[in-house]
Amino acid sequence: MKELIADIDRWRAAGRRVAIARVVDIEGSGPRLPGAAMAVADDGEVAGSVSGGCVEGAVVSEALEILRTGERRMVTFGYSDDEAFAVGLTCGGTVHLFIEPMDW
């Protein structure tokens, strides 16, 4: 989270809304360990990473939807080893994220 603070502070000063996505669990292999976080501003600007690129776009879409609805939720993304290899990833795995809007 420390690497996100400067961006979050800047977004807050500009009056922007922000959602935070955190890795809470992984099954199999995963590029980021639990605790990894990403912040998404209401215009789609991103700070941090929860997957090293594999599912970042989908996480941004989920975060923007959460900013629209105000609802917190768990989301899960996963690939089998065969599916991962087919799209150019080195291994499969499942990542569980908790995404919530920040309350100022």
PDB file of N, CA and C in Angstrom:
ATOM      1  N   MET A   1       0.811  -1.199   0.000  1.00  0.00           N
ATOM      2  CA  MET A   1       0.000   0.000   0.000  1.00  0.00           C
ATOM      3  C   MET A   1       0.854   1.263   0.000  1.00  0.00           C
ATOM      4  N   LYS A   2       2.052   1.204   0.579  1.00  0.00           N
ATOM      5  CA  LYS A   2       2.869   2.413   0.683  1.00  0.00           C
ATOM      6  C   LYS A   2       3.117   3.059  -0.671  1.00  0.00           C
ATOM      7  N   GLU A   3       3.300   2.234  -1.714  1.00  0.00           N
ATOM      8  CA  GLU A   3       3.583   2.797  -3.034  1.00  0.00           C
ATOM      9  C   GLU A   3       2.353   3.461  -3.658  1.00  0.00           C
ATOM     10  N   LEU A   4       1.186   3.257  -3.074  1.00  0.00           N
ATOM     11  CA  LEU A   4      -0.045   3.847  -3.599  1.00  0.00           C
ATOM     12  C   LEU A   4      -0.395   5.189  -2.962  1.00  0.00           C
ATOM     13  N   ILE A   5       0.190   5.485  -1.819  1.00  0.00           N
ATOM     14  CA  ILE A   5      -0.214   6.646  -1.021  1.00  0.00           C
ATOM     15  C   ILE A   5      -0.133   7.959  -1.790  1.00  0.00           C
ATOM     16  N   ALA A   6       0.959   8.203  -2.498  1.00  0.00           N
ATOM     17  CA  ALA A   6       1.114   9.478  -3.213  1.00  0.00           C
ATOM     18  C   ALA A   6       0.004   9.662  -4.250  1.00  0.00           C
ATOM     19  N   ASP A   7      -0.299   8.595  -5.002  1.00  0.00           N
ATOM     20  CA  ASP A   7      -1.366   8.700  -6.010  1.00  0.00           C
ATOM     21  C   ASP A   7      -2.721   8.884  -5.347  1.00  0.00           C
ATOM     22  N   ILE A   8      -2.998   8.132  -4.291  1.00  0.00           N
ATOM     23  CA  ILE A   8      -4.273   8.259  -3.592  1.00  0.00           C
ATOM     24  C   ILE A   8      -4.434   9.665  -3.024  1.00  0.00           C
ATOM     25  N   ASP A   9      -3.376  10.205  -2.421  1.00  0.00           N
ATOM     26  CA  ASP A   9      -3.435  11.575  -1.893  1.00  0.00           C
ATOM     27  C   ASP A   9      -3.716  12.588  -3.004  1.00  0.00           C
ATOM     28  N   ARG A  10      -3.065  12.411  -4.150  1.00  0.00           N
ATOM     29  CA  ARG A  10      -3.269  13.319  -5.282  1.00  0.00           C
ATOM     30  C   ARG A  10      -4.708  13.238  -5.789  1.00  0.00           C
ATOM     31  N   TRP A  11      -5.227  12.020  -5.910  1.00  0.00           N
ATOM     32  CA  TRP A  11      -6.597  11.842  -6.375  1.00  0.00           C
ATOM     33  C   TRP A  11      -7.597  12.434  -5.378  1.00  0.00           C
ATOM     34  N   ARG A  12      -7.333  12.216  -4.098  1.00  0.00           N
ATOM     35  CA  ARG A  12      -8.224  12.750  -3.065  1.00  0.00           C
ATOM     36  C   ARG A  12      -8.251  14.277  -3.112  1.00  0.00           C
ATOM     37  N   ALA A  13      -7.065  14.902  -3.256  1.00  0.00           N
ATOM     38  CA  ALA A  13      -6.975  16.366  -3.322  1.00  0.00           C
ATOM     39  C   ALA A  13      -7.737  16.903  -4.525  1.00  0.00           C
ATOM     40  N   ALA A  14      -7.815  16.100  -5.588  1.00  0.00           N
ATOM     41  CA  ALA A  14      -8.532  16.518  -6.796  1.00  0.00           C
ATOM     42  C   ALA A  14     -10.023  16.176  -6.729  1.00  0.00           C
ATOM     43  N   GLY A  15     -10.466  15.595  -5.622  1.00  0.00           N
ATOM     44  CA  GLY A  15     -11.873  15.275  -5.462  1.00  0.00           C
ATOM     45  C   GLY A  15     -12.324  14.025  -6.189  1.00  0.00           C
ATOM     46  N   ARG A  16     -11.370  13.165  -6.552  1.00  0.00           N
ATOM     47  CA  ARG A  16     -11.723  11.957  -7.296  1.00  0.00           C
ATOM     48  C   ARG A  16     -12.076  10.821  -6.348  1.00  0.00           C
ATOM     49  N   ARG A  17     -12.911   9.924  -6.829  1.00  0.00           N
ATOM     50  CA  ARG A  17     -13.271   8.730  -6.071  1.00  0.00           C
ATOM     51  C   ARG A  17     -12.298   7.621  -6.427  1.00  0.00           C
ATOM     52  N   VAL A  18     -12.037   6.728  -5.450  1.00  0.00           N
ATOM     53  CA  VAL A  18     -11.012   5.699  -5.610  1.00  0.00           C
ATOM     54  C   VAL A  18     -11.514   4.373  -5.048  1.00  0.00           C
ATOM     55  N   ALA A  19     -11.192   3.295  -5.762  1.00  0.00           N
ATOM     56  CA  ALA A  19     -11.440   1.942  -5.255  1.00  0.00           C
ATOM     57  C   ALA A  19     -10.091   1.264  -5.033  1.00  0.00           C
ATOM     58  N   ILE A  20     -10.051   0.407  -4.026  1.00  0.00           N
ATOM     59  CA  ILE A  20      -8.841  -0.352  -3.713  1.00  0.00           C
ATOM     60  C   ILE A  20      -9.136  -1.833  -3.922  1.00  0.00           C
ATOM     61  N   ALA A  21      -8.255  -2.506  -4.660  1.00  0.00           N
ATOM     62  CA  ALA A  21      -8.330  -3.958  -4.836  1.00  0.00           C
ATOM     63  C   ALA A  21      -7.136  -4.565  -4.105  1.00  0.00           C
ATOM     64  N   ARG A  22      -7.412  -5.568  -3.268  1.00  0.00           N
ATOM     65  CA  ARG A  22      -6.340  -6.235  -2.515  1.00  0.00           C
ATOM     66  C   ARG A  22      -6.385  -7.730  -2.764  1.00  0.00           C
ATOM     67  N   VAL A  23      -5.222  -8.333  -2.966  1.00  0.00           N
ATOM     68  CA  VAL A  23      -5.127  -9.792  -3.034  1.00  0.00           C
ATOM     69  C   VAL A  23      -5.331 -10.315  -1.612  1.00  0.00           C
ATOM     70  N   VAL A  24      -6.327 -11.183  -1.438  1.00  0.00           N
ATOM     71  CA  VAL A  24      -6.570 -11.753  -0.114  1.00  0.00           C
ATOM     72  C   VAL A  24      -6.215 -13.231  -0.049  1.00  0.00           C
ATOM     73  N   ASP A  25      -6.099 -13.891  -1.206  1.00  0.00           N
ATOM     74  CA  ASP A  25      -5.728 -15.303  -1.221  1.00  0.00           C
ATOM     75  C   ASP A  25      -5.326 -15.689  -2.635  1.00  0.00           C
ATOM     76  N   ILE A  26      -4.479 -16.703  -2.727  1.00  0.00           N
ATOM     77  CA  ILE A  26      -4.148 -17.284  -4.029  1.00  0.00           C
ATOM     78  C   ILE A  26      -4.226 -18.800  -3.894  1.00  0.00           C
ATOM     79  N   GLU A  27      -4.567 -19.449  -4.986  1.00  0.00           N
ATOM     80  CA  GLU A  27      -4.556 -20.907  -5.066  1.00  0.00           C
ATOM     81  C   GLU A  27      -3.623 -21.265  -6.209  1.00  0.00           C
ATOM     82  N   GLY A  28      -2.743 -22.199  -5.993  1.00  0.00           N
ATOM     83  CA  GLY A  28      -1.750 -22.526  -7.003  1.00  0.00           C
ATOM     84  C   GLY A  28      -0.702 -21.430  -7.016  1.00  0.00           C
ATOM     85  N   SER A  29      -0.170 -21.167  -8.179  1.00  0.00           N
ATOM     86  CA  SER A  29       0.841 -20.115  -8.271  1.00  0.00           C
ATOM     87  C   SER A  29       0.165 -18.796  -8.601  1.00  0.00           C
ATOM     88  N   GLY A  30       0.790 -17.720  -8.175  1.00  0.00           N
ATOM     89  CA  GLY A  30       0.266 -16.390  -8.455  1.00  0.00           C
ATOM     90  C   GLY A  30       1.405 -15.402  -8.511  1.00  0.00           C
ATOM     91  N   PRO A  31       1.281 -14.399  -9.359  1.00  0.00           N
ATOM     92  CA  PRO A  31       2.371 -13.434  -9.503  1.00  0.00           C
ATOM     93  C   PRO A  31       2.534 -12.498  -8.315  1.00  0.00           C
ATOM     94  N   ARG A  32       1.474 -12.273  -7.554  1.00  0.00           N
ATOM     95  CA  ARG A  32       1.533 -11.361  -6.402  1.00  0.00           C
ATOM     96  C   ARG A  32       0.950 -12.070  -5.189  1.00  0.00           C
ATOM     97  N   LEU A  33       1.546 -11.857  -4.047  1.00  0.00           N
ATOM     98  CA  LEU A  33       1.122 -12.500  -2.811  1.00  0.00           C
ATOM     99  C   LEU A  33      -0.024 -11.733  -2.154  1.00  0.00           C
ATOM    100  N   PRO A  34      -0.742 -12.388  -1.236  1.00  0.00           N
ATOM    101  CA  PRO A  34      -1.768 -11.666  -0.480  1.00  0.00           C
ATOM    102  C   PRO A  34      -1.182 -10.395   0.141  1.00  0.00           C
ATOM    103  N   GLY A  35      -1.973  -9.347   0.074  1.00  0.00           N
ATOM    104  CA  GLY A  35      -1.526  -8.030   0.540  1.00  0.00           C
ATOM    105  C   GLY A  35      -1.200  -7.092  -0.607  1.00  0.00           C
ATOM    106  N   ALA A  36      -0.905  -7.635  -1.786  1.00  0.00           N
ATOM    107  CA  ALA A  36      -0.646  -6.781  -2.946  1.00  0.00           C
ATOM    108  C   ALA A  36      -1.907  -5.962  -3.228  1.00  0.00           C
ATOM    109  N   ALA A  37      -1.733  -4.712  -3.653  1.00  0.00           N
ATOM    110  CA  ALA A  37      -2.885  -3.828  -3.824  1.00  0.00           C
ATOM    111  C   ALA A  37      -2.773  -2.980  -5.088  1.00  0.00           C
ATOM    112  N   MET A  38      -3.938  -2.586  -5.564  1.00  0.00           N
ATOM    113  CA  MET A  38      -4.056  -1.680  -6.699  1.00  0.00           C
ATOM    114  C   MET A  38      -5.123  -0.646  -6.358  1.00  0.00           C
ATOM    115  N   ALA A  39      -4.868   0.599  -6.680  1.00  0.00           N
ATOM    116  CA  ALA A  39      -5.857   1.661  -6.525  1.00  0.00           C
ATOM    117  C   ALA A  39      -6.312   2.074  -7.919  1.00  0.00           C
ATOM    118  N   VAL A  40      -7.621   2.305  -8.058  1.00  0.00           N
ATOM    119  CA  VAL A  40      -8.194   2.709  -9.338  1.00  0.00           C
ATOM    120  C   VAL A  40      -9.020   3.966  -9.107  1.00  0.00           C
ATOM    121  N   ALA A  41      -8.667   5.046  -9.793  1.00  0.00           N
ATOM    122  CA  ALA A  41      -9.428   6.289  -9.706  1.00  0.00           C
ATOM    123  C   ALA A  41     -10.644   6.202 -10.619  1.00  0.00           C
ATOM    124  N   ASP A  42     -11.612   7.072 -10.389  1.00  0.00           N
ATOM    125  CA  ASP A  42     -12.872   7.022 -11.131  1.00  0.00           C
ATOM    126  C   ASP A  42     -12.738   7.302 -12.624  1.00  0.00           C
ATOM    127  N   ASP A  43     -11.587   7.795 -13.063  1.00  0.00           N
ATOM    128  CA  ASP A  43     -11.363   7.982 -14.503  1.00  0.00           C
ATOM    129  C   ASP A  43     -10.567   6.834 -15.115  1.00  0.00           C
ATOM    130  N   GLY A  44     -10.282   5.787 -14.313  1.00  0.00           N
ATOM    131  CA  GLY A  44      -9.556   4.621 -14.800  1.00  0.00           C
ATOM    132  C   GLY A  44      -8.059   4.670 -14.583  1.00  0.00           C
ATOM    133  N   GLU A  45      -7.545   5.763 -14.012  1.00  0.00           N
ATOM    134  CA  GLU A  45      -6.115   5.821 -13.721  1.00  0.00           C
ATOM    135  C   GLU A  45      -5.802   4.791 -12.634  1.00  0.00           C
ATOM    136  N   VAL A  46      -4.648   4.119 -12.767  1.00  0.00           N
ATOM    137  CA  VAL A  46      -4.293   3.000 -11.902  1.00  0.00           C
ATOM    138  C   VAL A  46      -2.951   3.229 -11.239  1.00  0.00           C
ATOM    139  N   ALA A  47      -2.846   2.777  -9.986  1.00  0.00           N
ATOM    140  CA  ALA A  47      -1.572   2.731  -9.272  1.00  0.00           C
ATOM    141  C   ALA A  47      -1.472   1.354  -8.632  1.00  0.00           C
ATOM    142  N   GLY A  48      -0.302   0.751  -8.685  1.00  0.00           N
ATOM    143  CA  GLY A  48      -0.094  -0.557  -8.079  1.00  0.00           C
ATOM    144  C   GLY A  48      -0.468  -1.692  -9.014  1.00  0.00           C
ATOM    145  N   SER A  49      -0.399  -2.922  -8.476  1.00  0.00           N
ATOM    146  CA  SER A  49      -0.656  -4.111  -9.273  1.00  0.00           C
ATOM    147  C   SER A  49      -1.109  -5.249  -8.376  1.00  0.00           C
ATOM    148  N   VAL A  50      -2.038  -6.051  -8.875  1.00  0.00           N
ATOM    149  CA  VAL A  50      -2.470  -7.230  -8.138  1.00  0.00           C
ATOM    150  C   VAL A  50      -2.174  -8.525  -8.871  1.00  0.00           C
ATOM    151  N   SER A  51      -1.714  -8.433 -10.112  1.00  0.00           N
ATOM    152  CA  SER A  51      -1.488  -9.668 -10.863  1.00  0.00           C
ATOM    153  C   SER A  51      -0.292  -9.615 -11.795  1.00  0.00           C
ATOM    154  N   GLY A  52       0.438  -8.544 -11.818  1.00  0.00           N
ATOM    155  CA  GLY A  52       1.562  -8.462 -12.737  1.00  0.00           C
ATOM    156  C   GLY A  52       1.129  -8.371 -14.191  1.00  0.00           C
ATOM    157  N   GLY A  53      -0.127  -8.021 -14.449  1.00  0.00           N
ATOM    158  CA  GLY A  53      -0.587  -7.816 -15.818  1.00  0.00           C
ATOM    159  C   GLY A  53      -1.609  -8.810 -16.300  1.00  0.00           C
ATOM    160  N   CYS A  54      -1.686 -10.006 -15.705  1.00  0.00           N
ATOM    161  CA  CYS A  54      -2.566 -11.061 -16.214  1.00  0.00           C
ATOM    162  C   CYS A  54      -4.031 -10.654 -16.243  1.00  0.00           C
ATOM    163  N   VAL A  55      -4.512 -10.065 -15.170  1.00  0.00           N
ATOM    164  CA  VAL A  55      -5.937  -9.733 -15.083  1.00  0.00           C
ATOM    165  C   VAL A  55      -6.172  -8.272 -14.710  1.00  0.00           C
ATOM    166  N   GLU A  56      -5.171  -7.447 -14.853  1.00  0.00           N
ATOM    167  CA  GLU A  56      -5.283  -6.050 -14.427  1.00  0.00           C
ATOM    168  C   GLU A  56      -6.472  -5.336 -15.078  1.00  0.00           C
ATOM    169  N   GLY A  57      -6.677  -5.534 -16.365  1.00  0.00           N
ATOM    170  CA  GLY A  57      -7.783  -4.872 -17.060  1.00  0.00           C
ATOM    171  C   GLY A  57      -9.134  -5.251 -16.481  1.00  0.00           C
ATOM    172  N   ALA A  58      -9.306  -6.526 -16.174  1.00  0.00           N
ATOM    173  CA  ALA A  58     -10.560  -6.989 -15.588  1.00  0.00           C
ATOM    174  C   ALA A  58     -10.745  -6.412 -14.187  1.00  0.00           C
ATOM    175  N   VAL A  59      -9.665  -6.273 -13.441  1.00  0.00           N
ATOM    176  CA  VAL A  59      -9.745  -5.705 -12.094  1.00  0.00           C
ATOM    177  C   VAL A  59     -10.144  -4.235 -12.177  1.00  0.00           C
ATOM    178  N   VAL A  60      -9.595  -3.504 -13.141  1.00  0.00           N
ATOM    179  CA  VAL A  60      -9.981  -2.103 -13.321  1.00  0.00           C
ATOM    180  C   VAL A  60     -11.473  -2.005 -13.621  1.00  0.00           C
ATOM    181  N   SER A  61     -11.975  -2.858 -14.495  1.00  0.00           N
ATOM    182  CA  SER A  61     -13.411  -2.851 -14.816  1.00  0.00           C
ATOM    183  C   SER A  61     -14.253  -3.123 -13.578  1.00  0.00           C
ATOM    184  N   GLU A  62     -13.849  -4.101 -12.769  1.00  0.00           N
ATOM    185  CA  GLU A  62     -14.570  -4.403 -11.525  1.00  0.00           C
ATOM    186  C   GLU A  62     -14.531  -3.210 -10.579  1.00  0.00           C
ATOM    187  N   ALA A  63     -13.361  -2.582 -10.448  1.00  0.00           N
ATOM    188  CA  ALA A  63     -13.215  -1.435  -9.537  1.00  0.00           C
ATOM    189  C   ALA A  63     -14.096  -0.273  -9.979  1.00  0.00           C
ATOM    190  N   LEU A  64     -14.157  -0.010 -11.272  1.00  0.00           N
ATOM    191  CA  LEU A  64     -15.008   1.073 -11.770  1.00  0.00           C
ATOM    192  C   LEU A  64     -16.487   0.770 -11.521  1.00  0.00           C
ATOM    193  N   GLU A  65     -16.881  -0.488 -11.652  1.00  0.00           N
ATOM    194  CA  GLU A  65     -18.262  -0.879 -11.356  1.00  0.00           C
ATOM    195  C   GLU A  65     -18.556  -0.695  -9.872  1.00  0.00           C
ATOM    196  N   ILE A  66     -17.603  -1.015  -9.030  1.00  0.00           N
ATOM    197  CA  ILE A  66     -17.766  -0.841  -7.589  1.00  0.00           C
ATOM    198  C   ILE A  66     -17.889   0.640  -7.246  1.00  0.00           C
ATOM    199  N   LEU A  67     -17.136   1.487  -7.921  1.00  0.00           N
ATOM    200  CA  LEU A  67     -17.289   2.929  -7.700  1.00  0.00           C
ATOM    201  C   LEU A  67     -18.672   3.401  -8.137  1.00  0.00           C
ATOM    202  N   ARG A  68     -19.203   2.797  -9.192  1.00  0.00           N
ATOM    203  CA  ARG A  68     -20.541   3.161  -9.670  1.00  0.00           C
ATOM    204  C   ARG A  68     -21.616   2.742  -8.678  1.00  0.00           C
ATOM    205  N   THR A  69     -21.501   1.529  -8.122  1.00  0.00           N
ATOM    206  CA  THR A  69     -22.553   0.987  -7.254  1.00  0.00           C
ATOM    207  C   THR A  69     -22.310   1.255  -5.771  1.00  0.00           C
ATOM    208  N   GLY A  70     -21.050   1.433  -5.382  1.00  0.00           N
ATOM    209  CA  GLY A  70     -20.718   1.609  -3.969  1.00  0.00           C
ATOM    210  C   GLY A  70     -20.639   0.315  -3.184  1.00  0.00           C
ATOM    211  N   GLU A  71     -20.809  -0.815  -3.853  1.00  0.00           N
ATOM    212  CA  GLU A  71     -20.807  -2.117  -3.187  1.00  0.00           C
ATOM    213  C   GLU A  71     -19.411  -2.727  -3.140  1.00  0.00           C
ATOM    214  N   ARG A  72     -19.045  -3.246  -1.986  1.00  0.00           N
ATOM    215  CA  ARG A  72     -17.787  -3.978  -1.836  1.00  0.00           C
ATOM    216  C   ARG A  72     -18.038  -5.421  -2.261  1.00  0.00           C
ATOM    217  N   ARG A  73     -16.985  -6.081  -2.778  1.00  0.00           N
ATOM    218  CA  ARG A  73     -17.178  -7.496  -3.101  1.00  0.00           C
ATOM    219  C   ARG A  73     -15.859  -8.221  -3.315  1.00  0.00           C
ATOM    220  N   MET A  74     -15.965  -9.545  -3.186  1.00  0.00           N
ATOM    221  CA  MET A  74     -14.856 -10.441  -3.503  1.00  0.00           C
ATOM    222  C   MET A  74     -14.991 -10.817  -4.973  1.00  0.00           C
ATOM    223  N   VAL A  75     -13.878 -10.882  -5.668  1.00  0.00           N
ATOM    224  CA  VAL A  75     -13.863 -11.365  -7.047  1.00  0.00           C
ATOM    225  C   VAL A  75     -12.734 -12.378  -7.176  1.00  0.00           C
ATOM    226  N   THR A  76     -12.904 -13.296  -8.085  1.00  0.00           N
ATOM    227  CA  THR A  76     -11.925 -14.358  -8.290  1.00  0.00           C
ATOM    228  C   THR A  76     -11.592 -14.456  -9.764  1.00  0.00           C
ATOM    229  N   PHE A  77     -10.305 -14.577 -10.050  1.00  0.00           N
ATOM    230  CA  PHE A  77      -9.827 -14.770 -11.411  1.00  0.00           C
ATOM    231  C   PHE A  77      -8.892 -15.964 -11.392  1.00  0.00           C
ATOM    232  N   GLY A  78      -9.014 -16.833 -12.383  1.00  0.00           N
ATOM    233  CA  GLY A  78      -8.125 -17.984 -12.404  1.00  0.00           C
ATOM    234  C   GLY A  78      -7.974 -18.590 -13.778  1.00  0.00           C
ATOM    235  N   TYR A  79      -6.866 -19.294 -13.930  1.00  0.00           N
ATOM    236  CA  TYR A  79      -6.545 -20.005 -15.166  1.00  0.00           C
ATOM    237  C   TYR A  79      -5.956 -21.360 -14.805  1.00  0.00           C
ATOM    238  N   SER A  80      -6.322 -22.384 -15.548  1.00  0.00           N
ATOM    239  CA  SER A  80      -5.628 -23.655 -15.407  1.00  0.00           C
ATOM    240  C   SER A  80      -4.254 -23.500 -16.041  1.00  0.00           C
ATOM    241  N   ASP A  81      -3.337 -24.420 -15.775  1.00  0.00           N
ATOM    242  CA  ASP A  81      -2.011 -24.344 -16.383  1.00  0.00           C
ATOM    243  C   ASP A  81      -2.104 -24.356 -17.912  1.00  0.00           C
ATOM    244  N   ASP A  82      -3.007 -25.186 -18.478  1.00  0.00           N
ATOM    245  CA  ASP A  82      -3.159 -25.251 -19.932  1.00  0.00           C
ATOM    246  C   ASP A  82      -3.694 -23.940 -20.504  1.00  0.00           C
ATOM    247  N   GLU A  83      -4.701 -23.353 -19.839  1.00  0.00           N
ATOM    248  CA  GLU A  83      -5.256 -22.074 -20.298  1.00  0.00           C
ATOM    249  C   GLU A  83      -4.201 -20.977 -20.214  1.00  0.00           C
ATOM    250  N   ALA A  84      -3.447 -20.959 -19.129  1.00  0.00           N
ATOM    251  CA  ALA A  84      -2.413 -19.941 -18.943  1.00  0.00           C
ATOM    252  C   ALA A  84      -1.371 -20.036 -20.048  1.00  0.00           C
ATOM    253  N   PHE A  85      -0.913 -21.244 -20.332  1.00  0.00           N
ATOM    254  CA  PHE A  85       0.097 -21.432 -21.375  1.00  0.00           C
ATOM    255  C   PHE A  85      -0.429 -20.967 -22.732  1.00  0.00           C
ATOM    256  N   ALA A  86      -1.716 -21.220 -22.997  1.00  0.00           N
ATOM    257  CA  ALA A  86      -2.311 -20.845 -24.284  1.00  0.00           C
ATOM    258  C   ALA A  86      -2.320 -19.342 -24.504  1.00  0.00           C
ATOM    259  N   VAL A  87      -2.387 -18.547 -23.428  1.00  0.00           N
ATOM    260  CA  VAL A  87      -2.391 -17.092 -23.585  1.00  0.00           C
ATOM    261  C   VAL A  87      -1.038 -16.465 -23.248  1.00  0.00           C
ATOM    262  N   GLY A  88       0.008 -17.303 -23.123  1.00  0.00           N
ATOM    263  CA  GLY A  88       1.359 -16.781 -22.949  1.00  0.00           C
ATOM    264  C   GLY A  88       1.825 -16.612 -21.520  1.00  0.00           C
ATOM    265  N   LEU A  89       1.051 -17.130 -20.547  1.00  0.00           N
ATOM    266  CA  LEU A  89       1.495 -17.056 -19.156  1.00  0.00           C
ATOM    267  C   LEU A  89       2.286 -18.317 -18.832  1.00  0.00           C
ATOM    268  N   THR A  90       3.154 -18.234 -17.849  1.00  0.00           N
ATOM    269  CA  THR A  90       4.004 -19.379 -17.538  1.00  0.00           C
ATOM    270  C   THR A  90       3.321 -20.414 -16.661  1.00  0.00           C
ATOM    271  N   CYS A  91       2.274 -20.050 -15.948  1.00  0.00           N
ATOM    272  CA  CYS A  91       1.604 -21.007 -15.074  1.00  0.00           C
ATOM    273  C   CYS A  91       0.197 -20.520 -14.752  1.00  0.00           C
ATOM    274  N   GLY A  92      -0.626 -21.448 -14.299  1.00  0.00           N
ATOM    275  CA  GLY A  92      -1.991 -21.107 -13.913  1.00  0.00           C
ATOM    276  C   GLY A  92      -2.054 -20.751 -12.442  1.00  0.00           C
ATOM    277  N   GLY A  93      -3.242 -20.551 -11.964  1.00  0.00           N
ATOM    278  CA  GLY A  93      -3.457 -20.204 -10.569  1.00  0.00           C
ATOM    279  C   GLY A  93      -4.721 -19.390 -10.451  1.00  0.00           C
ATOM    280  N   THR A  94      -5.175 -19.216  -9.226  1.00  0.00           N
ATOM    281  CA  THR A  94      -6.380 -18.450  -8.961  1.00  0.00           C
ATOM    282  C   THR A  94      -6.060 -17.377  -7.942  1.00  0.00           C
ATOM    283  N   VAL A  95      -6.535 -16.183  -8.203  1.00  0.00           N
ATOM    284  CA  VAL A  95      -6.320 -15.070  -7.273  1.00  0.00           C
ATOM    285  C   VAL A  95      -7.685 -14.577  -6.795  1.00  0.00           C
ATOM    286  N   HIS A  96      -7.796 -14.374  -5.480  1.00  0.00           N
ATOM    287  CA  HIS A  96      -9.017 -13.862  -4.866  1.00  0.00           C
ATOM    288  C   HIS A  96      -8.735 -12.433  -4.403  1.00  0.00           C
ATOM    289  N   LEU A  97      -9.593 -11.512  -4.812  1.00  0.00           N
ATOM    290  CA  LEU A  97      -9.414 -10.094  -4.500  1.00  0.00           C
ATOM    291  C   LEU A  97     -10.623  -9.562  -3.742  1.00  0.00           C
ATOM    292  N   PHE A  98     -10.373  -8.641  -2.831  1.00  0.00           N
ATOM    293  CA  PHE A  98     -11.444  -7.881  -2.205  1.00  0.00           C
ATOM    294  C   PHE A  98     -11.323  -6.468  -2.752  1.00  0.00           C
ATOM    295  N   ILE A  99     -12.401  -5.956  -3.335  1.00  0.00           N
ATOM    296  CA  ILE A  99     -12.389  -4.627  -3.926  1.00  0.00           C
ATOM    297  C   ILE A  99     -13.433  -3.781  -3.216  1.00  0.00           C
ATOM    298  N   GLU A 100     -13.039  -2.578  -2.819  1.00  0.00           N
ATOM    299  CA  GLU A 100     -13.947  -1.679  -2.115  1.00  0.00           C
ATOM    300  C   GLU A 100     -13.670  -0.236  -2.456  1.00  0.00           C
ATOM    301  N   PRO A 101     -14.699   0.607  -2.399  1.00  0.00           N
ATOM    302  CA  PRO A 101     -14.475   2.036  -2.591  1.00  0.00           C
ATOM    303  C   PRO A 101     -13.845   2.618  -1.331  1.00  0.00           C
ATOM    304  N   MET A 102     -12.974   3.601  -1.489  1.00  0.00           N
ATOM    305  CA  MET A 102     -12.400   4.278  -0.327  1.00  0.00           C
ATOM    306  C   MET A 102     -13.396   5.321   0.151  1.00  0.00           C
ATOM    307  N   ASP A 103     -13.554   5.382   1.445  1.00  0.00           N
ATOM    308  CA  ASP A 103     -14.380   6.416   2.048  1.00  0.00           C
ATOM    309  C   ASP A 103     -13.464   7.483   2.599  1.00  0.00           C
ATOM    310  N   TRP A 104     -13.636   8.706   2.147  1.00  0.00           N
ATOM    311  CA  TRP A 104     -12.787   9.788   2.658  1.00  0.00           C
ATOM    312  C   TRP A 104     -13.314  10.150   3.993  1.00  0.00           C
TER     313      TRP A 104
END
